[in-house]
N, C-alpha and C. Protein backbone atom coordinates (compact mmCIF):
# COMPACT_ATOMS: atom_id res chain seq x y z
N GLN A 1 119.92 6.03 -9.77
CA GLN A 1 119.09 7.39 -9.99
C GLN A 1 118.39 7.40 -10.41
N VAL A 2 116.85 7.80 -9.33
CA VAL A 2 115.30 7.59 -9.84
C VAL A 2 115.28 9.38 -10.26
N GLN A 3 114.98 8.91 -11.61
CA GLN A 3 113.84 9.40 -12.43
C GLN A 3 112.58 9.57 -12.57
N PHE A 4 111.40 10.11 -13.16
CA PHE A 4 110.16 9.64 -13.35
C PHE A 4 110.07 9.83 -15.10
N VAL A 5 109.15 8.52 -14.91
CA VAL A 5 108.97 8.36 -16.43
C VAL A 5 108.04 8.84 -16.97
N GLU A 6 107.42 9.28 -17.55
CA GLU A 6 106.38 9.84 -18.05
C GLU A 6 105.18 8.77 -19.46
N ALA A 7 104.50 9.14 -19.68
CA ALA A 7 103.84 8.13 -20.39
C ALA A 7 102.35 8.37 -21.11
N GLY A 8 101.32 8.19 -21.94
CA GLY A 8 100.05 8.54 -21.74
C GLY A 8 100.08 10.05 -23.24
N GLY A 9 101.21 10.73 -23.88
CA GLY A 9 100.90 11.91 -24.04
C GLY A 9 100.66 10.97 -25.51
N GLY A 10 100.28 12.84 -26.50
CA GLY A 10 99.92 12.36 -28.39
C GLY A 10 99.21 13.02 -28.80
N LEU A 11 98.61 12.64 -30.21
CA LEU A 11 98.05 13.85 -30.31
C LEU A 11 96.11 13.22 -30.32
N VAL A 12 95.34 14.75 -30.22
CA VAL A 12 94.23 14.16 -29.81
C VAL A 12 93.04 15.24 -29.92
N GLN A 13 92.43 15.57 -30.93
CA GLN A 13 91.65 16.69 -31.30
C GLN A 13 91.07 17.06 -30.37
N PRO A 14 90.65 18.37 -29.80
CA PRO A 14 89.84 19.36 -29.66
C PRO A 14 88.41 18.98 -29.26
N GLY A 15 88.11 19.06 -27.70
CA GLY A 15 87.68 17.88 -26.94
C GLY A 15 88.10 16.36 -26.54
N GLY A 16 89.21 16.18 -27.82
CA GLY A 16 89.58 14.82 -26.29
C GLY A 16 89.60 14.46 -25.09
N SER A 17 89.97 13.10 -25.43
CA SER A 17 90.95 13.18 -23.59
C SER A 17 91.89 12.20 -23.84
N LEU A 18 92.89 12.52 -23.40
CA LEU A 18 93.96 12.07 -22.79
C LEU A 18 93.77 11.66 -21.42
N THR A 19 94.55 10.20 -21.02
CA THR A 19 95.74 10.46 -19.58
C THR A 19 96.80 9.51 -19.03
N LEU A 20 97.50 10.42 -18.42
CA LEU A 20 99.22 10.16 -18.72
C LEU A 20 99.14 9.57 -16.98
N SER A 21 100.58 8.94 -17.29
CA SER A 21 100.65 8.18 -16.42
C SER A 21 102.27 8.78 -15.50
N CYS A 22 103.03 8.41 -14.63
CA CYS A 22 103.76 8.76 -14.11
C CYS A 22 104.80 8.20 -13.05
N THR A 23 106.07 7.39 -13.28
CA THR A 23 106.43 6.96 -11.95
C THR A 23 107.60 5.97 -12.14
N ALA A 24 108.07 6.91 -10.76
CA ALA A 24 110.10 6.66 -10.89
C ALA A 24 109.89 4.99 -10.15
N GLY A 25 109.48 4.35 -9.96
CA GLY A 25 109.67 2.38 -9.13
C GLY A 25 109.09 2.79 -7.71
N ARG A 26 109.41 3.76 -7.11
CA ARG A 26 109.64 3.64 -5.91
C ARG A 26 108.43 4.48 -5.09
N SER A 27 108.30 3.80 -4.27
CA SER A 27 106.94 3.84 -3.25
C SER A 27 107.43 4.68 -2.34
N ILE A 28 108.16 5.21 -2.75
CA ILE A 28 108.35 6.64 -1.00
C ILE A 28 107.87 7.88 -1.37
N PHE A 29 107.16 8.01 -3.08
CA PHE A 29 106.86 8.82 -3.65
C PHE A 29 105.48 8.89 -3.77
N ASN A 30 104.79 7.89 -2.94
CA ASN A 30 103.36 7.78 -3.00
C ASN A 30 102.54 8.76 -1.23
N ARG A 31 103.76 9.21 -0.23
CA ARG A 31 103.37 10.12 0.14
C ARG A 31 104.36 11.45 0.55
N MET A 32 104.52 11.94 -0.24
CA MET A 32 105.92 13.20 -1.33
C MET A 32 104.00 13.64 -1.80
N PRO A 33 104.18 15.09 -1.46
CA PRO A 33 103.19 16.15 -2.75
C PRO A 33 103.97 16.07 -4.26
N MET A 34 103.02 15.86 -4.85
CA MET A 34 103.61 15.74 -6.32
C MET A 34 102.59 16.67 -7.01
N ALA A 35 103.20 16.72 -8.29
CA ALA A 35 102.31 17.65 -9.70
C ALA A 35 102.58 16.84 -10.61
N TRP A 36 101.90 17.59 -11.69
CA TRP A 36 102.10 17.45 -13.16
C TRP A 36 102.71 19.08 -13.88
N TYR A 37 103.72 18.96 -14.16
CA TYR A 37 104.01 20.61 -15.07
C TYR A 37 103.74 20.16 -15.89
N ARG A 38 103.39 21.74 -17.07
CA ARG A 38 103.60 21.77 -18.65
C ARG A 38 104.70 22.81 -18.88
N GLU A 39 105.74 22.90 -19.39
CA GLU A 39 106.19 23.60 -20.17
C GLU A 39 105.66 24.20 -20.96
N THR A 40 106.49 25.51 -20.60
CA THR A 40 105.88 27.20 -21.67
C THR A 40 106.81 27.36 -22.54
N PRO A 41 106.28 27.55 -23.83
CA PRO A 41 106.94 28.64 -24.94
C PRO A 41 108.39 28.89 -24.10
N GLU A 42 107.99 29.45 -23.07
CA GLU A 42 109.53 29.98 -22.31
C GLU A 42 110.46 29.15 -21.82
N ASN A 43 110.15 27.61 -22.32
CA ASN A 43 110.97 25.95 -21.40
C ASN A 43 111.05 26.41 -19.71
N ARG A 44 109.88 27.33 -19.28
CA ARG A 44 109.01 27.07 -18.13
C ARG A 44 108.06 25.76 -17.86
N ARG A 45 108.45 25.56 -16.72
CA ARG A 45 107.92 24.67 -15.66
C ARG A 45 107.25 24.83 -15.00
N GLU A 46 105.60 25.16 -15.26
CA GLU A 46 104.53 25.61 -14.13
C GLU A 46 104.01 24.52 -13.70
N TRP A 47 103.42 24.29 -12.71
CA TRP A 47 102.30 23.46 -12.23
C TRP A 47 101.27 23.48 -12.43
N ILE A 48 100.61 22.12 -12.89
CA ILE A 48 98.97 22.51 -13.69
C ILE A 48 98.11 21.41 -12.57
N ALA A 49 98.56 20.54 -11.99
CA ALA A 49 97.64 20.14 -10.94
C ALA A 49 99.17 19.09 -9.81
N GLN A 50 98.18 19.17 -8.25
CA GLN A 50 98.99 18.69 -7.48
C GLN A 50 98.17 18.00 -6.39
N ILE A 51 98.65 16.99 -6.12
CA ILE A 51 98.22 16.04 -5.33
C ILE A 51 99.14 16.16 -3.66
N THR A 52 98.11 16.59 -2.95
CA THR A 52 99.01 16.43 -1.13
C THR A 52 99.29 15.12 -0.92
N ASP A 53 99.26 14.59 0.97
CA ASP A 53 99.17 13.44 1.38
C ASP A 53 98.88 14.00 2.90
N PRO A 54 97.67 14.09 3.80
CA PRO A 54 96.81 13.17 2.54
C PRO A 54 96.12 13.53 1.41
N GLU A 55 95.53 13.46 0.52
CA GLU A 55 95.19 13.18 -0.66
C GLU A 55 94.05 14.29 -0.90
N ARG A 56 94.10 15.47 -1.60
CA ARG A 56 93.61 16.76 -1.55
C ARG A 56 94.60 17.62 -3.10
N ALA A 57 93.72 17.25 -4.17
CA ALA A 57 94.05 18.19 -5.41
C ALA A 57 94.19 19.52 -5.49
N ASN A 58 95.08 20.16 -6.37
CA ASN A 58 95.28 21.81 -7.08
C ASN A 58 94.79 21.86 -8.09
N TYR A 59 94.20 22.49 -8.81
CA TYR A 59 94.39 23.20 -9.97
C TYR A 59 95.11 24.22 -10.47
N VAL A 60 95.55 24.51 -11.66
CA VAL A 60 95.42 26.28 -11.78
C VAL A 60 93.73 26.33 -12.47
N ASP A 61 93.70 27.85 -13.12
CA ASP A 61 92.49 27.12 -13.06
C ASP A 61 92.03 27.31 -14.41
N SER A 62 93.12 27.25 -16.05
CA SER A 62 93.13 26.85 -16.77
C SER A 62 92.65 25.61 -17.17
N VAL A 63 92.77 24.52 -15.86
CA VAL A 63 92.51 23.11 -16.07
C VAL A 63 90.96 22.27 -15.58
N LYS A 64 90.98 23.51 -14.22
CA LYS A 64 89.75 23.23 -13.27
C LYS A 64 88.38 23.26 -14.05
N GLY A 65 87.93 21.42 -12.98
CA GLY A 65 87.45 20.82 -13.54
C GLY A 65 87.45 19.74 -14.71
N ARG A 66 88.39 20.52 -15.81
CA ARG A 66 88.84 19.03 -16.83
C ARG A 66 89.31 18.04 -16.58
N PHE A 67 90.89 18.07 -15.76
CA PHE A 67 91.63 16.97 -15.18
C PHE A 67 91.38 17.36 -14.30
N THR A 68 91.87 15.81 -13.65
CA THR A 68 92.11 15.23 -12.33
C THR A 68 93.27 14.24 -12.25
N ILE A 69 94.03 14.74 -11.11
CA ILE A 69 95.17 13.95 -10.60
C ILE A 69 94.68 13.52 -9.56
N SER A 70 95.43 12.33 -9.94
CA SER A 70 94.57 11.47 -8.69
C SER A 70 96.22 10.02 -8.88
N ARG A 71 97.12 8.96 -7.67
CA ARG A 71 97.34 8.27 -7.15
C ARG A 71 97.10 7.07 -7.25
N ASP A 72 98.22 6.07 -8.33
CA ASP A 72 97.63 4.87 -7.38
C ASP A 72 98.45 4.01 -6.88
N THR A 73 98.63 4.32 -5.34
CA THR A 73 99.33 3.45 -4.81
C THR A 73 100.02 2.79 -4.60
N ALA A 74 98.52 1.32 -5.69
CA ALA A 74 99.65 -0.35 -5.93
C ALA A 74 100.26 -0.38 -6.97
N LYS A 75 100.37 1.19 -8.08
CA LYS A 75 101.40 0.57 -9.14
C LYS A 75 102.85 2.00 -8.71
N ASP A 76 102.52 2.93 -7.83
CA ASP A 76 103.65 3.42 -7.71
C ASP A 76 103.19 4.67 -8.52
N THR A 77 101.97 5.17 -8.98
CA THR A 77 101.70 5.94 -10.24
C THR A 77 101.24 7.29 -9.78
N VAL A 78 101.67 8.33 -10.80
CA VAL A 78 100.70 9.44 -10.38
C VAL A 78 100.20 9.92 -11.85
N ASN A 79 98.36 9.72 -12.12
CA ASN A 79 97.87 9.57 -13.08
C ASN A 79 97.19 11.13 -13.73
N LEU A 80 97.56 11.31 -14.75
CA LEU A 80 96.54 12.62 -14.80
C LEU A 80 95.47 12.94 -15.36
N GLN A 81 94.35 12.37 -15.76
CA GLN A 81 92.63 12.64 -15.98
C GLN A 81 92.44 13.93 -17.08
N MET A 82 92.76 13.51 -18.59
CA MET A 82 92.72 15.39 -18.88
C MET A 82 91.19 14.73 -20.09
N ASN A 83 90.25 15.53 -19.60
CA ASN A 83 89.35 16.00 -20.41
C ASN A 83 89.31 17.29 -21.19
N ALA A 84 87.77 17.33 -22.43
CA ALA A 84 88.17 18.34 -22.59
C ALA A 84 88.76 18.78 -23.05
N LEU A 85 90.31 18.55 -23.95
CA LEU A 85 91.24 19.14 -23.94
C LEU A 85 90.91 20.37 -25.27
N LYS A 86 91.91 21.18 -25.16
CA LYS A 86 91.99 22.56 -25.96
C LYS A 86 93.75 22.92 -25.89
N PRO A 87 93.55 23.15 -28.00
CA PRO A 87 94.35 23.44 -28.29
C PRO A 87 95.69 24.18 -27.07
N GLU A 88 95.15 25.30 -25.92
CA GLU A 88 95.94 25.00 -25.65
C GLU A 88 96.46 24.86 -23.65
N ASP A 89 96.36 23.45 -24.43
CA ASP A 89 97.04 22.71 -23.23
C ASP A 89 97.76 21.63 -23.87
N SER A 90 98.17 22.15 -25.43
CA SER A 90 99.75 21.77 -25.84
C SER A 90 100.44 21.66 -25.32
N GLY A 91 101.44 20.71 -25.18
CA GLY A 91 102.34 20.83 -24.25
C GLY A 91 103.56 20.11 -24.07
N ARG A 92 104.60 19.64 -23.24
CA ARG A 92 105.68 18.75 -23.07
C ARG A 92 104.60 18.20 -21.76
N TYR A 93 104.41 17.66 -21.32
CA TYR A 93 104.11 17.57 -18.95
C TYR A 93 105.02 16.64 -19.04
N TYR A 94 105.90 16.91 -17.29
CA TYR A 94 106.30 16.12 -16.56
C TYR A 94 105.50 16.45 -15.52
N CYS A 95 106.15 15.19 -14.32
CA CYS A 95 105.58 15.16 -12.89
C CYS A 95 106.42 15.22 -12.83
N ASN A 96 106.83 15.78 -11.38
CA ASN A 96 107.80 15.64 -10.25
C ASN A 96 107.18 16.03 -8.90
N THR A 97 107.67 16.11 -7.27
CA THR A 97 107.75 16.62 -6.49
C THR A 97 107.35 17.58 -6.51
N HIS A 98 106.56 18.48 -5.44
CA HIS A 98 106.01 19.93 -5.54
C HIS A 98 106.42 20.29 -3.94
N PRO A 99 107.37 21.40 -4.63
CA PRO A 99 107.95 21.88 -5.21
C PRO A 99 108.88 20.92 -5.58
N PRO A 100 109.06 21.72 -6.97
CA PRO A 100 110.46 19.75 -7.73
C PRO A 100 111.40 20.12 -7.62
N THR A 101 112.22 19.26 -7.41
CA THR A 101 113.50 17.92 -7.38
C THR A 101 113.66 18.23 -8.57
N GLN A 102 115.61 19.35 -8.15
CA GLN A 102 115.83 19.46 -10.19
C GLN A 102 115.68 17.82 -10.52
N ARG A 103 116.31 16.71 -9.49
CA ARG A 103 117.54 16.03 -10.00
C ARG A 103 116.25 14.20 -10.46
N TYR A 104 115.17 14.89 -10.49
CA TYR A 104 114.16 14.09 -10.58
C TYR A 104 113.72 14.14 -11.69
N TRP A 105 114.09 15.52 -12.91
CA TRP A 105 113.10 15.88 -14.26
C TRP A 105 113.16 14.69 -14.76
N GLY A 106 112.10 14.45 -15.90
CA GLY A 106 112.72 12.78 -16.86
C GLY A 106 112.46 13.50 -17.82
N GLN A 107 111.56 12.71 -18.83
CA GLN A 107 111.39 12.94 -21.07
C GLN A 107 110.53 14.23 -20.42
N GLY A 108 109.50 13.88 -20.23
CA GLY A 108 108.15 14.67 -20.56
C GLY A 108 107.54 13.81 -21.17
N THR A 109 106.03 13.96 -21.60
CA THR A 109 105.43 13.11 -22.88
C THR A 109 105.20 14.38 -23.54
N GLN A 110 104.82 14.41 -24.93
CA GLN A 110 104.26 14.73 -25.42
C GLN A 110 103.01 14.82 -25.83
N VAL A 111 101.98 16.04 -25.70
CA VAL A 111 100.74 15.89 -25.63
C VAL A 111 100.66 17.58 -26.94
N THR A 112 99.47 17.46 -27.75
CA THR A 112 99.59 18.08 -28.71
C THR A 112 97.62 17.83 -29.19
N VAL A 113 97.34 18.76 -28.93
CA VAL A 113 95.86 19.12 -29.30
C VAL A 113 95.29 20.24 -30.56
N SER A 114 94.96 18.76 -31.37
CA SER A 114 94.57 19.96 -32.80
C SER A 114 94.12 18.86 -33.94
N SER A 115 92.97 20.00 -34.69
CA SER A 115 92.30 19.13 -35.53
C SER A 115 93.22 18.83 -36.80
């Protein structure tokens, strides 16, 4: 059963940085549109960064200029570099295809931005 595995979350002070990574161990996803999603207080998972094939990245306005999504095809991973973090960036982060495939959801990784 394919399921994405996210890692890299943690507690960071405002203004700090984190790098999230995601893999399913399958190279098939290297050519698929992928996205990072953030869970809202209402338990919805909204995409915040997406990467297409060929490589083109899109971001929601709230993270534009601070977050960077990328692929490492050698490692079959999708990464999210997060800089200048703000308290409102806190939440559980997931990766999935874009649009998402229900059976691929993993456990996510928690990001907490707090002083």
